[in-house]
Amino acid sequence: MQVLAFSTPQDPLWRWRIVNYAGELVEESRDTFQTIARAIQEGSKRLTAMNVVDTSVPYQPHRSTRHLRVP
């Protein structure tokens, strides 16, 4: 799993988000932080406290188009 931080133009404060290797959202902070470093730090603490193993399958962006080809 990975921790990332994000902000939006409407809310310039930072929040953390935990996503699995398939790109699915696992958890998101409700609290906001002044810096990206602080958001990542708090998200990492939460991920450690969760103590979970990511068994998801990583997303494969490049799929075969063989099924679309005409024989």
PDB file of N, CA and C in Angstrom:
ATOM      1  N   MET A   1       0.845  -1.172   0.000  1.00  0.00           N
ATOM      2  CA  MET A   1       0.000   0.000   0.000  1.00  0.00           C
ATOM      3  C   MET A   1       0.889   1.234   0.000  1.00  0.00           C
ATOM      4  N   GLN A   2       0.306   2.320  -0.458  1.00  0.00           N
ATOM      5  CA  GLN A   2       1.067   3.556  -0.535  1.00  0.00           C
ATOM      6  C   GLN A   2       0.265   4.702   0.065  1.00  0.00           C
ATOM      7  N   VAL A   3       0.986   5.676   0.589  1.00  0.00           N
ATOM      8  CA  VAL A   3       0.377   6.894   1.129  1.00  0.00           C
ATOM      9  C   VAL A   3       0.684   8.015   0.148  1.00  0.00           C
ATOM     10  N   LEU A   4      -0.338   8.781  -0.185  1.00  0.00           N
ATOM     11  CA  LEU A   4      -0.126   9.954  -1.023  1.00  0.00           C
ATOM     12  C   LEU A   4      -0.824  11.135  -0.386  1.00  0.00           C
ATOM     13  N   ALA A   5      -0.445  12.313  -0.790  1.00  0.00           N
ATOM     14  CA  ALA A   5      -1.054  13.531  -0.265  1.00  0.00           C
ATOM     15  C   ALA A   5      -1.629  14.316  -1.426  1.00  0.00           C
ATOM     16  N   PHE A   6      -2.727  15.018  -1.151  1.00  0.00           N
ATOM     17  CA  PHE A   6      -3.361  15.802  -2.203  1.00  0.00           C
ATOM     18  C   PHE A   6      -4.004  17.042  -1.612  1.00  0.00           C
ATOM     19  N   SER A   7      -4.206  18.015  -2.457  1.00  0.00           N
ATOM     20  CA  SER A   7      -4.965  19.219  -2.127  1.00  0.00           C
ATOM     21  C   SER A   7      -5.730  19.612  -3.379  1.00  0.00           C
ATOM     22  N   THR A   8      -6.696  20.466  -3.217  1.00  0.00           N
ATOM     23  CA  THR A   8      -7.497  20.918  -4.351  1.00  0.00           C
ATOM     24  C   THR A   8      -7.496  22.440  -4.389  1.00  0.00           C
ATOM     25  N   PRO A   9      -7.817  23.033  -5.527  1.00  0.00           N
ATOM     26  CA  PRO A   9      -7.879  24.496  -5.588  1.00  0.00           C
ATOM     27  C   PRO A   9      -8.920  25.074  -4.608  1.00  0.00           C
ATOM     28  N   GLN A  10      -9.991  24.337  -4.378  1.00  0.00           N
ATOM     29  CA  GLN A  10     -11.026  24.813  -3.447  1.00  0.00           C
ATOM     30  C   GLN A  10     -10.566  24.720  -1.995  1.00  0.00           C
ATOM     31  N   ASP A  11      -9.691  23.763  -1.695  1.00  0.00           N
ATOM     32  CA  ASP A  11      -9.177  23.567  -0.340  1.00  0.00           C
ATOM     33  C   ASP A  11      -7.674  23.328  -0.426  1.00  0.00           C
ATOM     34  N   PRO A  12      -6.864  24.376  -0.325  1.00  0.00           N
ATOM     35  CA  PRO A  12      -5.433  24.242  -0.547  1.00  0.00           C
ATOM     36  C   PRO A  12      -4.668  23.509   0.557  1.00  0.00           C
ATOM     37  N   LEU A  13      -5.336  23.135   1.642  1.00  0.00           N
ATOM     38  CA  LEU A  13      -4.665  22.365   2.684  1.00  0.00           C
ATOM     39  C   LEU A  13      -4.514  20.924   2.229  1.00  0.00           C
ATOM     40  N   TRP A  14      -3.543  20.220   2.794  1.00  0.00           N
ATOM     41  CA  TRP A  14      -3.201  18.864   2.371  1.00  0.00           C
ATOM     42  C   TRP A  14      -3.944  17.817   3.184  1.00  0.00           C
ATOM     43  N   ARG A  15      -4.292  16.702   2.543  1.00  0.00           N
ATOM     44  CA  ARG A  15      -4.858  15.524   3.197  1.00  0.00           C
ATOM     45  C   ARG A  15      -4.119  14.303   2.673  1.00  0.00           C
ATOM     46  N   TRP A  16      -4.137  13.228   3.455  1.00  0.00           N
ATOM     47  CA  TRP A  16      -3.488  11.993   2.996  1.00  0.00           C
ATOM     48  C   TRP A  16      -4.536  11.010   2.519  1.00  0.00           C
ATOM     49  N   ARG A  17      -4.071  10.095   1.706  1.00  0.00           N
ATOM     50  CA  ARG A  17      -4.916   9.040   1.158  1.00  0.00           C
ATOM     51  C   ARG A  17      -4.076   7.770   1.086  1.00  0.00           C
ATOM     52  N   ILE A  18      -4.643   6.648   1.514  1.00  0.00           N
ATOM     53  CA  ILE A  18      -3.971   5.355   1.427  1.00  0.00           C
ATOM     54  C   ILE A  18      -4.629   4.573   0.301  1.00  0.00           C
ATOM     55  N   VAL A  19      -3.811   4.104  -0.631  1.00  0.00           N
ATOM     56  CA  VAL A  19      -4.317   3.326  -1.758  1.00  0.00           C
ATOM     57  C   VAL A  19      -3.553   2.007  -1.832  1.00  0.00           C
ATOM     58  N   ASN A  20      -4.236   0.983  -2.335  1.00  0.00           N
ATOM     59  CA  ASN A  20      -3.554  -0.307  -2.508  1.00  0.00           C
ATOM     60  C   ASN A  20      -2.876  -0.335  -3.874  1.00  0.00           C
ATOM     61  N   TYR A  21      -2.188  -1.428  -4.167  1.00  0.00           N
ATOM     62  CA  TYR A  21      -1.432  -1.502  -5.418  1.00  0.00           C
ATOM     63  C   TYR A  21      -2.310  -1.655  -6.653  1.00  0.00           C
ATOM     64  N   ALA A  22      -3.609  -1.885  -6.451  1.00  0.00           N
ATOM     65  CA  ALA A  22      -4.544  -1.913  -7.568  1.00  0.00           C
ATOM     66  C   ALA A  22      -5.083  -0.510  -7.837  1.00  0.00           C
ATOM     67  N   GLY A  23      -4.673   0.463  -7.021  1.00  0.00           N
ATOM     68  CA  GLY A  23      -5.119   1.840  -7.193  1.00  0.00           C
ATOM     69  C   GLY A  23      -6.436   2.150  -6.506  1.00  0.00           C
ATOM     70  N   GLU A  24      -6.913   1.245  -5.673  1.00  0.00           N
ATOM     71  CA  GLU A  24      -8.192   1.442  -4.988  1.00  0.00           C
ATOM     72  C   GLU A  24      -7.975   2.208  -3.686  1.00  0.00           C
ATOM     73  N   LEU A  25      -8.894   3.107  -3.395  1.00  0.00           N
ATOM     74  CA  LEU A  25      -8.840   3.883  -2.166  1.00  0.00           C
ATOM     75  C   LEU A  25      -9.124   2.979  -0.979  1.00  0.00           C
ATOM     76  N   VAL A  26      -8.240   3.017   0.017  1.00  0.00           N
ATOM     77  CA  VAL A  26      -8.418   2.234   1.231  1.00  0.00           C
ATOM     78  C   VAL A  26      -8.925   3.132   2.350  1.00  0.00           C
ATOM     79  N   GLU A  27      -8.291   4.292   2.520  1.00  0.00           N
ATOM     80  CA  GLU A  27      -8.700   5.229   3.565  1.00  0.00           C
ATOM     81  C   GLU A  27      -8.219   6.627   3.203  1.00  0.00           C
ATOM     82  N   GLU A  28      -8.953   7.634   3.697  1.00  0.00           N
ATOM     83  CA  GLU A  28      -8.614   9.031   3.428  1.00  0.00           C
ATOM     84  C   GLU A  28      -8.778   9.831   4.708  1.00  0.00           C
ATOM     85  N   SER A  29      -7.907  10.802   4.918  1.00  0.00           N
ATOM     86  CA  SER A  29      -7.969  11.601   6.141  1.00  0.00           C
ATOM     87  C   SER A  29      -9.121  12.607   6.079  1.00  0.00           C
ATOM     88  N   ARG A  30      -9.654  12.862   7.241  1.00  0.00           N
ATOM     89  CA  ARG A  30     -10.652  13.937   7.373  1.00  0.00           C
ATOM     90  C   ARG A  30      -9.964  15.217   7.812  1.00  0.00           C
ATOM     91  N   ASP A  31      -8.823  15.053   8.487  1.00  0.00           N
ATOM     92  CA  ASP A  31      -8.042  16.194   8.949  1.00  0.00           C
ATOM     93  C   ASP A  31      -7.257  16.796   7.794  1.00  0.00           C
ATOM     94  N   THR A  32      -6.942  18.064   7.917  1.00  0.00           N
ATOM     95  CA  THR A  32      -6.116  18.740   6.913  1.00  0.00           C
ATOM     96  C   THR A  32      -4.802  19.159   7.555  1.00  0.00           C
ATOM     97  N   PHE A  33      -3.781  19.352   6.714  1.00  0.00           N
ATOM     98  CA  PHE A  33      -2.444  19.674   7.194  1.00  0.00           C
ATOM     99  C   PHE A  33      -1.879  20.835   6.385  1.00  0.00           C
ATOM    100  N   GLN A  34      -1.038  21.615   7.025  1.00  0.00           N
ATOM    101  CA  GLN A  34      -0.462  22.794   6.377  1.00  0.00           C
ATOM    102  C   GLN A  34       0.564  22.431   5.306  1.00  0.00           C
ATOM    103  N   THR A  35       1.260  21.306   5.480  1.00  0.00           N
ATOM    104  CA  THR A  35       2.316  20.934   4.529  1.00  0.00           C
ATOM    105  C   THR A  35       2.089  19.520   4.010  1.00  0.00           C
ATOM    106  N   ILE A  36       2.628  19.261   2.829  1.00  0.00           N
ATOM    107  CA  ILE A  36       2.544  17.926   2.241  1.00  0.00           C
ATOM    108  C   ILE A  36       3.334  16.929   3.096  1.00  0.00           C
ATOM    109  N   ALA A  37       4.454  17.370   3.652  1.00  0.00           N
ATOM    110  CA  ALA A  37       5.281  16.486   4.479  1.00  0.00           C
ATOM    111  C   ALA A  37       4.518  16.013   5.712  1.00  0.00           C
ATOM    112  N   ARG A  38       3.790  16.908   6.333  1.00  0.00           N
ATOM    113  CA  ARG A  38       3.017  16.538   7.530  1.00  0.00           C
ATOM    114  C   ARG A  38       1.886  15.573   7.168  1.00  0.00           C
ATOM    115  N   ALA A  39       1.237  15.788   6.039  1.00  0.00           N
ATOM    116  CA  ALA A  39       0.164  14.895   5.600  1.00  0.00           C
ATOM    117  C   ALA A  39       0.707  13.490   5.344  1.00  0.00           C
ATOM    118  N   ILE A  40       1.854  13.390   4.664  1.00  0.00           N
ATOM    119  CA  ILE A  40       2.461  12.094   4.389  1.00  0.00           C
ATOM    120  C   ILE A  40       2.891  11.424   5.695  1.00  0.00           C
ATOM    121  N   GLN A  41       3.431  12.190   6.599  1.00  0.00           N
ATOM    122  CA  GLN A  41       3.868  11.650   7.889  1.00  0.00           C
ATOM    123  C   GLN A  41       2.685  11.047   8.656  1.00  0.00           C
ATOM    124  N   GLU A  42       1.587  11.764   8.727  1.00  0.00           N
ATOM    125  CA  GLU A  42       0.407  11.268   9.446  1.00  0.00           C
ATOM    126  C   GLU A  42      -0.228  10.077   8.730  1.00  0.00           C
ATOM    127  N   GLY A  43      -0.249  10.112   7.402  1.00  0.00           N
ATOM    128  CA  GLY A  43      -0.773   8.982   6.642  1.00  0.00           C
ATOM    129  C   GLY A  43       0.063   7.733   6.827  1.00  0.00           C
ATOM    130  N   SER A  44       1.374   7.904   6.894  1.00  0.00           N
ATOM    131  CA  SER A  44       2.273   6.771   7.119  1.00  0.00           C
ATOM    132  C   SER A  44       2.061   6.174   8.503  1.00  0.00           C
ATOM    133  N   LYS A  45       1.827   7.022   9.484  1.00  0.00           N
ATOM    134  CA  LYS A  45       1.527   6.535  10.832  1.00  0.00           C
ATOM    135  C   LYS A  45       0.250   5.702  10.823  1.00  0.00           C
ATOM    136  N   ARG A  46      -0.759   6.197  10.108  1.00  0.00           N
ATOM    137  CA  ARG A  46      -2.033   5.475  10.042  1.00  0.00           C
ATOM    138  C   ARG A  46      -1.862   4.136   9.334  1.00  0.00           C
ATOM    139  N   LEU A  47      -1.111   4.111   8.251  1.00  0.00           N
ATOM    140  CA  LEU A  47      -0.869   2.872   7.523  1.00  0.00           C
ATOM    141  C   LEU A  47      -0.169   1.849   8.418  1.00  0.00           C
ATOM    142  N   THR A  48       0.805   2.291   9.188  1.00  0.00           N
ATOM    143  CA  THR A  48       1.504   1.402  10.112  1.00  0.00           C
ATOM    144  C   THR A  48       0.543   0.873  11.174  1.00  0.00           C
ATOM    145  N   ALA A  49      -0.326   1.739  11.687  1.00  0.00           N
ATOM    146  CA  ALA A  49      -1.288   1.330  12.710  1.00  0.00           C
ATOM    147  C   ALA A  49      -2.319   0.345  12.164  1.00  0.00           C
ATOM    148  N   MET A  50      -2.644   0.456  10.884  1.00  0.00           N
ATOM    149  CA  MET A  50      -3.613  -0.454  10.269  1.00  0.00           C
ATOM    150  C   MET A  50      -3.077  -1.879  10.233  1.00  0.00           C
ATOM    151  N   ASN A  51      -1.751  -2.038  10.050  1.00  0.00           N
ATOM    152  CA  ASN A  51      -1.093  -3.340  10.059  1.00  0.00           C
ATOM    153  C   ASN A  51      -1.804  -4.343   9.132  1.00  0.00           C
ATOM    154  N   VAL A  52      -1.971  -3.970   7.876  1.00  0.00           N
ATOM    155  CA  VAL A  52      -2.628  -4.842   6.897  1.00  0.00           C
ATOM    156  C   VAL A  52      -1.641  -5.231   5.799  1.00  0.00           C
ATOM    157  N   VAL A  53      -1.936  -6.326   5.151  1.00  0.00           N
ATOM    158  CA  VAL A  53      -1.136  -6.796   4.022  1.00  0.00           C
ATOM    159  C   VAL A  53      -1.935  -6.562   2.752  1.00  0.00           C
ATOM    160  N   ASP A  54      -1.321  -5.940   1.775  1.00  0.00           N
ATOM    161  CA  ASP A  54      -1.995  -5.658   0.511  1.00  0.00           C
ATOM    162  C   ASP A  54      -1.937  -6.895  -0.371  1.00  0.00           C
ATOM    163  N   THR A  55      -3.075  -7.524  -0.590  1.00  0.00           N
ATOM    164  CA  THR A  55      -3.151  -8.704  -1.445  1.00  0.00           C
ATOM    165  C   THR A  55      -3.778  -8.384  -2.797  1.00  0.00           C
ATOM    166  N   SER A  56      -3.948  -7.101  -3.081  1.00  0.00           N
ATOM    167  CA  SER A  56      -4.554  -6.716  -4.351  1.00  0.00           C
ATOM    168  C   SER A  56      -3.592  -6.993  -5.506  1.00  0.00           C
ATOM    169  N   VAL A  57      -4.149  -7.087  -6.682  1.00  0.00           N
ATOM    170  CA  VAL A  57      -3.353  -7.308  -7.889  1.00  0.00           C
ATOM    171  C   VAL A  57      -3.111  -5.947  -8.536  1.00  0.00           C
ATOM    172  N   PRO A  58      -1.853  -5.594  -8.801  1.00  0.00           N
ATOM    173  CA  PRO A  58      -1.578  -4.293  -9.413  1.00  0.00           C
ATOM    174  C   PRO A  58      -2.320  -4.121 -10.731  1.00  0.00           C
ATOM    175  N   TYR A  59      -2.810  -2.940 -10.957  1.00  0.00           N
ATOM    176  CA  TYR A  59      -3.513  -2.592 -12.190  1.00  0.00           C
ATOM    177  C   TYR A  59      -2.544  -2.651 -13.355  1.00  0.00           C
ATOM    178  N   GLN A  60      -2.950  -3.291 -14.432  1.00  0.00           N
ATOM    179  CA  GLN A  60      -2.137  -3.380 -15.644  1.00  0.00           C
ATOM    180  C   GLN A  60      -2.713  -2.440 -16.696  1.00  0.00           C
ATOM    181  N   PRO A  61      -2.135  -1.270 -16.882  1.00  0.00           N
ATOM    182  CA  PRO A  61      -2.700  -0.295 -17.812  1.00  0.00           C
ATOM    183  C   PRO A  61      -2.630  -0.716 -19.278  1.00  0.00           C
ATOM    184  N   HIS A  62      -1.741  -1.631 -19.613  1.00  0.00           N
ATOM    185  CA  HIS A  62      -1.575  -2.045 -21.008  1.00  0.00           C
ATOM    186  C   HIS A  62      -2.118  -3.449 -21.196  1.00  0.00           C
ATOM    187  N   ARG A  63      -3.339  -3.528 -21.658  1.00  0.00           N
ATOM    188  CA  ARG A  63      -3.961  -4.825 -21.928  1.00  0.00           C
ATOM    189  C   ARG A  63      -3.787  -5.175 -23.390  1.00  0.00           C
ATOM    190  N   SER A  64      -3.837  -6.429 -23.663  1.00  0.00           N
ATOM    191  CA  SER A  64      -3.768  -6.876 -25.050  1.00  0.00           C
ATOM    192  C   SER A  64      -5.044  -6.469 -25.769  1.00  0.00           C
ATOM    193  N   THR A  65      -4.910  -6.094 -27.025  1.00  0.00           N
ATOM    194  CA  THR A  65      -6.080  -5.763 -27.846  1.00  0.00           C
ATOM    195  C   THR A  65      -6.339  -6.888 -28.831  1.00  0.00           C
ATOM    196  N   ARG A  66      -5.786  -8.041 -28.547  1.00  0.00           N
ATOM    197  CA  ARG A  66      -5.948  -9.189 -29.431  1.00  0.00           C
ATOM    198  C   ARG A  66      -7.432  -9.500 -29.667  1.00  0.00           C
ATOM    199  N   HIS A  67      -8.273  -9.339 -28.638  1.00  0.00           N
ATOM    200  CA  HIS A  67      -9.692  -9.648 -28.786  1.00  0.00           C
ATOM    201  C   HIS A  67     -10.422  -8.667 -29.723  1.00  0.00           C
ATOM    202  N   LEU A  68      -9.801  -7.534 -30.015  1.00  0.00           N
ATOM    203  CA  LEU A  68     -10.422  -6.554 -30.915  1.00  0.00           C
ATOM    204  C   LEU A  68     -10.044  -6.767 -32.375  1.00  0.00           C
ATOM    205  N   ARG A  69      -9.054  -7.588 -32.613  1.00  0.00           N
ATOM    206  CA  ARG A  69      -8.576  -7.795 -33.987  1.00  0.00           C
ATOM    207  C   ARG A  69      -9.515  -8.725 -34.747  1.00  0.00           C
ATOM    208  N   VAL A  70      -9.703  -8.421 -36.009  1.00  0.00           N
ATOM    209  CA  VAL A  70     -10.533  -9.248 -36.879  1.00  0.00           C
ATOM    210  C   VAL A  70      -9.664 -10.362 -37.455  1.00  0.00           C
ATOM    211  N   PRO A  71     -10.127 -11.613 -37.372  1.00  0.00           N
ATOM    212  CA  PRO A  71      -9.300 -12.724 -37.884  1.00  0.00           C
ATOM    213  C   PRO A  71      -9.180 -12.713 -39.385  1.00  0.00           C
TER     214      PRO A  71
END
